[in-house]
Amino acid sequence: MKSDKSLNQIRALFEAISTISDADWNFFKDHLQYDEYNKGDLLTSIGEIENYMYFVVKGIVRTFYYNSIQEYTLDFRLPVSPIVS
């Protein structure tokens, strides 16, 4: 993972919903992988099934869907936000 600050922010997301034990948090964070993406990169291609959960640490992510005619923006995700599909 990139930084302790990012990890603390992600843990705070969980803690806002329910407490998480140190053991559970350590298990979860040991499975996190830090990746960087450039503007315009797709996390999941059209028609692909998503198998991961993402957290925005820096920047903005736009979620959208495409109905073969037009693209529709669903929302924008800001730091620190989870992304799931």
Protein backbone atom coordinates (compact mmCIF):
# COMPACT_ATOMS: atom_id res chain seq x y z
CA MET A 1 0.00 0.00 0.00
CA LYS A 2 1.19 3.50 -0.73
CA SER A 3 1.05 5.17 2.70
CA ASP A 4 -0.05 4.79 6.28
CA LYS A 5 -2.32 7.82 5.79
CA SER A 6 -4.18 6.02 2.99
CA LEU A 7 -4.52 2.89 5.11
CA ASN A 8 -5.83 4.91 8.04
CA GLN A 9 -8.39 6.60 5.78
CA ILE A 10 -9.58 3.26 4.41
CA ARG A 11 -9.85 1.81 7.90
CA ALA A 12 -11.86 4.86 8.98
CA LEU A 13 -14.38 4.01 6.23
CA PHE A 14 -14.92 0.61 7.81
CA GLU A 15 -14.95 2.01 11.35
CA ALA A 16 -17.70 4.47 10.36
CA ILE A 17 -19.94 1.46 9.75
CA SER A 18 -18.74 -1.03 12.35
CA THR A 19 -15.71 -1.64 14.50
CA ILE A 20 -13.08 -3.90 13.03
CA SER A 21 -10.60 -5.77 15.18
CA ASP A 22 -6.89 -5.25 14.66
CA ALA A 23 -6.58 -8.89 13.60
CA ASP A 24 -9.33 -8.53 10.98
CA TRP A 25 -7.92 -5.22 9.76
CA ASN A 26 -4.42 -6.67 9.46
CA PHE A 27 -5.78 -9.62 7.46
CA PHE A 28 -7.66 -7.25 5.14
CA LYS A 29 -4.84 -4.75 4.64
CA ASP A 30 -2.37 -7.57 3.90
CA HIS A 31 -4.50 -8.30 0.82
CA LEU A 32 -4.59 -4.73 -0.46
CA GLN A 33 -2.60 -3.90 -3.56
CA TYR A 34 -1.67 -0.37 -4.59
CA ASP A 35 -2.05 0.47 -8.27
CA GLU A 36 -1.93 3.78 -10.13
CA TYR A 37 -4.07 4.66 -13.12
CA ASN A 38 -3.91 7.50 -15.61
CA LYS A 39 -6.75 9.76 -16.69
CA GLY A 40 -8.92 7.84 -19.15
CA ASP A 41 -7.85 4.37 -17.98
CA LEU A 42 -10.67 1.87 -17.47
CA LEU A 43 -10.79 -0.22 -14.31
CA THR A 44 -13.27 -2.62 -15.91
CA SER A 45 -13.98 -2.90 -19.62
CA ILE A 46 -17.50 -2.99 -21.03
CA GLY A 47 -18.89 -6.52 -20.67
CA GLU A 48 -16.19 -7.60 -18.23
CA ILE A 49 -17.20 -8.97 -14.82
CA GLU A 50 -15.51 -7.09 -11.98
CA ASN A 51 -13.74 -9.24 -9.40
CA TYR A 52 -12.17 -6.53 -7.26
CA MET A 53 -13.02 -3.70 -4.91
CA TYR A 54 -11.16 -0.42 -5.34
CA PHE A 55 -10.48 2.53 -3.07
CA VAL A 56 -9.81 5.97 -4.50
CA VAL A 57 -6.79 7.36 -2.63
CA LYS A 58 -6.02 10.29 -4.90
CA GLY A 59 -7.89 11.79 -7.84
CA ILE A 60 -11.43 11.23 -9.07
CA VAL A 61 -13.10 8.18 -10.62
CA ARG A 62 -16.19 8.42 -12.81
CA THR A 63 -18.52 5.42 -12.82
CA PHE A 64 -20.71 4.96 -15.87
CA TYR A 65 -22.60 2.47 -17.95
CA TYR A 66 -23.07 2.16 -21.68
CA ASN A 67 -26.23 0.87 -23.35
CA SER A 68 -24.74 0.41 -26.86
CA ILE A 69 -26.12 3.80 -27.90
CA GLN A 70 -25.08 6.23 -25.20
CA GLU A 71 -22.82 6.46 -22.17
CA TYR A 72 -24.44 7.45 -18.85
CA THR A 73 -22.47 8.81 -15.89
CA LEU A 74 -23.64 7.31 -12.60
CA ASP A 75 -21.44 9.23 -10.18
CA PHE A 76 -18.00 10.51 -9.33
CA ARG A 77 -15.92 8.95 -6.56
CA LEU A 78 -13.55 11.15 -4.56
CA PRO A 79 -10.80 10.22 -2.09
CA VAL A 80 -11.24 8.14 0.05
CA SER A 81 -14.17 6.26 -1.52
CA PRO A 82 -14.77 2.59 -2.24
CA ILE A 83 -15.68 1.48 -5.76
CA VAL A 84 -17.62 -1.72 -6.33
CA SER A 85 -19.77 -2.89 -9.19
